[in-house]
């Protein structure tokens, strides 16, 4: 009798990060937002996906590629002051039960994503919104000219 074969699925973190980031950005576009990837915030943090809506509302998605990535990164509270809504974006195989319930939740892969849990809205102060919107527009323009 042949020996039993055991297979374990292993997901590369860089590939998972790229896939989830791409899917989250595509979801934001489907929702009517214009996303930029890897946006440096005034507090020195980097938003994986930052998107602006037609009414000027700002969303940030923090991509988590795996359990270890989530457990070592406890900075996610520092994104809230720079967006109206904050989401975690994870791959379909990510164990969602370990994530806190406060932020929104997006499940995404390389082709798109879905909002599993809406993020609570926390409107930005007008002066901060204006500063972030100008910085967002300038970053988008610089990136467009570099390509």
C-alpha atoms as a PDB file:
ATOM      1  CA  UNK A   1       0.000   0.000   0.000  1.00  0.00           C
ATOM      2  CA  UNK A   2       1.465   3.416  -0.957  1.00  0.00           C
ATOM      3  CA  UNK A   3       2.349   5.827   1.831  1.00  0.00           C
ATOM      4  CA  UNK A   4      -0.070   8.676   2.468  1.00  0.00           C
ATOM      5  CA  UNK A   5       0.974  11.939   0.931  1.00  0.00           C
ATOM      6  CA  UNK A   6       0.534  15.087   2.953  1.00  0.00           C
ATOM      7  CA  UNK A   7       0.482  18.444   1.239  1.00  0.00           C
ATOM      8  CA  UNK A   8       0.722  21.774   2.983  1.00  0.00           C
ATOM      9  CA  UNK A   9      -0.183  25.001   1.246  1.00  0.00           C
ATOM     10  CA  UNK A  10       2.524  27.602   1.652  1.00  0.00           C
ATOM     11  CA  UNK A  11       1.879  31.161   0.588  1.00  0.00           C
ATOM     12  CA  UNK A  12       4.783  33.480  -0.094  1.00  0.00           C
ATOM     13  CA  UNK A  13       4.400  36.642   1.915  1.00  0.00           C
ATOM     14  CA  UNK A  14       5.667  38.984  -0.820  1.00  0.00           C
ATOM     15  CA  UNK A  15       3.376  37.342  -3.378  1.00  0.00           C
ATOM     16  CA  UNK A  16       0.448  37.406  -0.944  1.00  0.00           C
ATOM     17  CA  UNK A  17       1.102  41.060  -0.102  1.00  0.00           C
ATOM     18  CA  UNK A  18       1.233  42.009  -3.784  1.00  0.00           C
ATOM     19  CA  UNK A  19      -1.914  40.030  -4.565  1.00  0.00           C
ATOM     20  CA  UNK A  20      -3.948  41.445  -1.664  1.00  0.00           C
ATOM     21  CA  UNK A  21      -2.725  44.987  -2.346  1.00  0.00           C
ATOM     22  CA  UNK A  22      -3.668  44.723  -6.020  1.00  0.00           C
ATOM     23  CA  UNK A  23      -7.091  43.277  -5.201  1.00  0.00           C
ATOM     24  CA  UNK A  24      -7.813  45.896  -2.543  1.00  0.00           C
ATOM     25  CA  UNK A  25      -6.869  48.691  -4.959  1.00  0.00           C
ATOM     26  CA  UNK A  26      -9.103  47.197  -7.657  1.00  0.00           C
ATOM     27  CA  UNK A  27     -11.953  46.977  -5.142  1.00  0.00           C
ATOM     28  CA  UNK A  28     -11.455  50.636  -4.244  1.00  0.00           C
ATOM     29  CA  UNK A  29     -11.694  51.542  -7.939  1.00  0.00           C
ATOM     30  CA  UNK A  30     -14.861  49.433  -8.278  1.00  0.00           C
ATOM     31  CA  UNK A  31     -16.283  51.403  -5.346  1.00  0.00           C
ATOM     32  CA  UNK A  32     -15.542  54.718  -7.107  1.00  0.00           C
ATOM     33  CA  UNK A  33     -12.309  55.585  -5.286  1.00  0.00           C
ATOM     34  CA  UNK A  34      -8.946  56.555  -6.781  1.00  0.00           C
ATOM     35  CA  UNK A  35      -6.232  54.550  -4.990  1.00  0.00           C
ATOM     36  CA  UNK A  36      -2.520  55.095  -4.555  1.00  0.00           C
ATOM     37  CA  UNK A  37      -0.209  52.446  -3.123  1.00  0.00           C
ATOM     38  CA  UNK A  38       2.423  52.916  -0.435  1.00  0.00           C
ATOM     39  CA  UNK A  39       1.582  56.447   0.626  1.00  0.00           C
ATOM     40  CA  UNK A  40       3.737  58.026   3.338  1.00  0.00           C
ATOM     41  CA  UNK A  41       1.629  59.774   5.963  1.00  0.00           C
ATOM     42  CA  UNK A  42       2.596  62.895   7.954  1.00  0.00           C
ATOM     43  CA  UNK A  43       3.290  60.744  11.043  1.00  0.00           C
ATOM     44  CA  UNK A  44       5.903  58.678   9.165  1.00  0.00           C
ATOM     45  CA  UNK A  45       3.695  55.611   8.692  1.00  0.00           C
ATOM     46  CA  UNK A  46       3.090  54.154   5.237  1.00  0.00           C
ATOM     47  CA  UNK A  47      -0.426  53.336   4.074  1.00  0.00           C
ATOM     48  CA  UNK A  48      -0.469  50.237   1.866  1.00  0.00           C
ATOM     49  CA  UNK A  49      -3.521  51.513  -0.045  1.00  0.00           C
ATOM     50  CA  UNK A  50      -4.910  55.021   0.321  1.00  0.00           C
ATOM     51  CA  UNK A  51      -7.906  56.013  -1.780  1.00  0.00           C
ATOM     52  CA  UNK A  52      -9.930  59.164  -2.258  1.00  0.00           C
ATOM     53  CA  UNK A  53     -13.601  59.251  -3.215  1.00  0.00           C
ATOM     54  CA  UNK A  54     -15.600  61.614  -5.396  1.00  0.00           C
ATOM     55  CA  UNK A  55     -16.670  63.626  -2.335  1.00  0.00           C
ATOM     56  CA  UNK A  56     -13.132  63.819  -0.958  1.00  0.00           C
ATOM     57  CA  UNK A  57     -13.510  61.026   1.584  1.00  0.00           C
ATOM     58  CA  UNK A  58     -10.313  59.107   2.302  1.00  0.00           C
ATOM     59  CA  UNK A  59      -9.953  55.382   2.946  1.00  0.00           C
ATOM     60  CA  UNK A  60      -6.839  53.524   4.084  1.00  0.00           C
ATOM     61  CA  UNK A  61      -6.406  49.756   3.703  1.00  0.00           C
ATOM     62  CA  UNK A  62      -3.651  48.096   5.718  1.00  0.00           C
ATOM     63  CA  UNK A  63      -2.620  44.854   4.014  1.00  0.00           C
ATOM     64  CA  UNK A  64      -1.818  41.895   6.244  1.00  0.00           C
ATOM     65  CA  UNK A  65      -0.098  39.029   4.436  1.00  0.00           C
ATOM     66  CA  UNK A  66      -0.300  36.555   7.290  1.00  0.00           C
ATOM     67  CA  UNK A  67      -0.724  35.977  10.997  1.00  0.00           C
ATOM     68  CA  UNK A  68       2.871  36.936  11.821  1.00  0.00           C
ATOM     69  CA  UNK A  69       2.551  40.155   9.821  1.00  0.00           C
ATOM     70  CA  UNK A  70      -0.533  41.083  11.837  1.00  0.00           C
ATOM     71  CA  UNK A  71       0.890  40.111  15.233  1.00  0.00           C
ATOM     72  CA  UNK A  72       4.127  42.085  14.880  1.00  0.00           C
ATOM     73  CA  UNK A  73       2.454  45.223  13.515  1.00  0.00           C
ATOM     74  CA  UNK A  74       0.512  47.002  16.249  1.00  0.00           C
ATOM     75  CA  UNK A  75       0.744  50.421  14.568  1.00  0.00           C
ATOM     76  CA  UNK A  76      -2.617  50.214  12.848  1.00  0.00           C
ATOM     77  CA  UNK A  77      -4.225  52.669  15.304  1.00  0.00           C
ATOM     78  CA  UNK A  78      -1.877  55.325  13.948  1.00  0.00           C
ATOM     79  CA  UNK A  79      -3.618  55.369  10.539  1.00  0.00           C
ATOM     80  CA  UNK A  80      -7.011  56.533  11.818  1.00  0.00           C
ATOM     81  CA  UNK A  81      -6.161  60.234  12.141  1.00  0.00           C
ATOM     82  CA  UNK A  82      -5.424  60.321   8.391  1.00  0.00           C
ATOM     83  CA  UNK A  83      -8.569  58.760   6.945  1.00  0.00           C
ATOM     84  CA  UNK A  84     -12.342  58.738   7.206  1.00  0.00           C
ATOM     85  CA  UNK A  85     -12.440  54.936   7.210  1.00  0.00           C
ATOM     86  CA  UNK A  86      -9.813  52.289   7.959  1.00  0.00           C
ATOM     87  CA  UNK A  87      -9.800  48.695   6.703  1.00  0.00           C
ATOM     88  CA  UNK A  88      -7.625  45.656   7.061  1.00  0.00           C
ATOM     89  CA  UNK A  89      -7.166  43.878   3.726  1.00  0.00           C
ATOM     90  CA  UNK A  90      -6.335  40.172   3.881  1.00  0.00           C
ATOM     91  CA  UNK A  91      -6.176  37.145   1.608  1.00  0.00           C
ATOM     92  CA  UNK A  92      -9.096  34.674   1.539  1.00  0.00           C
ATOM     93  CA  UNK A  93      -7.111  32.100   3.564  1.00  0.00           C
ATOM     94  CA  UNK A  94      -6.295  34.589   6.362  1.00  0.00           C
ATOM     95  CA  UNK A  95      -7.895  33.624   9.713  1.00  0.00           C
ATOM     96  CA  UNK A  96     -10.233  36.607  10.072  1.00  0.00           C
ATOM     97  CA  UNK A  97     -11.197  35.765  13.658  1.00  0.00           C
ATOM     98  CA  UNK A  98      -7.843  37.068  14.964  1.00  0.00           C
ATOM     99  CA  UNK A  99      -8.489  40.586  13.636  1.00  0.00           C
ATOM    100  CA  UNK A 100     -10.104  43.231  15.853  1.00  0.00           C
ATOM    101  CA  UNK A 101     -13.733  44.084  15.145  1.00  0.00           C
ATOM    102  CA  UNK A 102     -13.340  47.883  15.056  1.00  0.00           C
ATOM    103  CA  UNK A 103     -11.806  48.368  11.599  1.00  0.00           C
ATOM    104  CA  UNK A 104     -13.456  47.426   8.365  1.00  0.00           C
ATOM    105  CA  UNK A 105     -12.421  44.214   6.647  1.00  0.00           C
ATOM    106  CA  UNK A 106     -11.626  43.554   2.993  1.00  0.00           C
ATOM    107  CA  UNK A 107     -10.809  40.132   1.594  1.00  0.00           C
ATOM    108  CA  UNK A 108      -8.873  40.377  -1.645  1.00  0.00           C
ATOM    109  CA  UNK A 109      -6.772  38.474  -4.133  1.00  0.00           C
ATOM    110  CA  UNK A 110      -4.995  39.551  -7.304  1.00  0.00           C
ATOM    111  CA  UNK A 111      -8.242  40.002  -9.206  1.00  0.00           C
ATOM    112  CA  UNK A 112     -10.360  42.044  -6.822  1.00  0.00           C
ATOM    113  CA  UNK A 113     -11.919  41.988  -3.418  1.00  0.00           C
ATOM    114  CA  UNK A 114     -15.006  42.290  -1.287  1.00  0.00           C
ATOM    115  CA  UNK A 115     -15.899  44.339   1.755  1.00  0.00           C
ATOM    116  CA  UNK A 116     -16.700  41.813   4.474  1.00  0.00           C
ATOM    117  CA  UNK A 117     -17.239  44.400   7.205  1.00  0.00           C
ATOM    118  CA  UNK A 118     -17.781  48.122   6.678  1.00  0.00           C
ATOM    119  CA  UNK A 119     -15.400  50.448   8.474  1.00  0.00           C
ATOM    120  CA  UNK A 120     -16.879  52.896  10.939  1.00  0.00           C
ATOM    121  CA  UNK A 121     -16.808  56.435   9.622  1.00  0.00           C
ATOM    122  CA  UNK A 122     -14.676  58.959  11.476  1.00  0.00           C
ATOM    123  CA  UNK A 123     -14.725  62.196   9.454  1.00  0.00           C
ATOM    124  CA  UNK A 124     -11.488  64.128   9.171  1.00  0.00           C
ATOM    125  CA  UNK A 125     -11.208  67.728  10.293  1.00  0.00           C
ATOM    126  CA  UNK A 126     -11.518  70.076   7.284  1.00  0.00           C
ATOM    127  CA  UNK A 127      -7.958  71.430   7.536  1.00  0.00           C
ATOM    128  CA  UNK A 128      -6.456  67.930   7.711  1.00  0.00           C
ATOM    129  CA  UNK A 129      -8.658  66.747   4.809  1.00  0.00           C
ATOM    130  CA  UNK A 130      -7.460  69.652   2.669  1.00  0.00           C
ATOM    131  CA  UNK A 131      -3.793  69.009   3.479  1.00  0.00           C
ATOM    132  CA  UNK A 132      -4.125  65.264   2.806  1.00  0.00           C
ATOM    133  CA  UNK A 133      -6.050  65.844  -0.425  1.00  0.00           C
ATOM    134  CA  UNK A 134      -3.401  68.230  -1.757  1.00  0.00           C
ATOM    135  CA  UNK A 135      -0.588  65.855  -0.782  1.00  0.00           C
ATOM    136  CA  UNK A 136      -2.466  62.928  -2.364  1.00  0.00           C
ATOM    137  CA  UNK A 137      -2.975  64.848  -5.630  1.00  0.00           C
ATOM    138  CA  UNK A 138       0.672  65.932  -5.776  1.00  0.00           C
ATOM    139  CA  UNK A 139       1.900  62.381  -5.120  1.00  0.00           C
ATOM    140  CA  UNK A 140      -0.365  61.006  -7.839  1.00  0.00           C
ATOM    141  CA  UNK A 141       0.851  63.638 -10.314  1.00  0.00           C
ATOM    142  CA  UNK A 142       4.527  62.988  -9.512  1.00  0.00           C
ATOM    143  CA  UNK A 143       4.044  59.259  -9.936  1.00  0.00           C
ATOM    144  CA  UNK A 144       2.208  59.744 -13.238  1.00  0.00           C
ATOM    145  CA  UNK A 145       5.067  61.867 -14.597  1.00  0.00           C
ATOM    146  CA  UNK A 146       7.728  59.330 -13.573  1.00  0.00           C
ATOM    147  CA  UNK A 147       6.123  56.525 -15.590  1.00  0.00           C
END
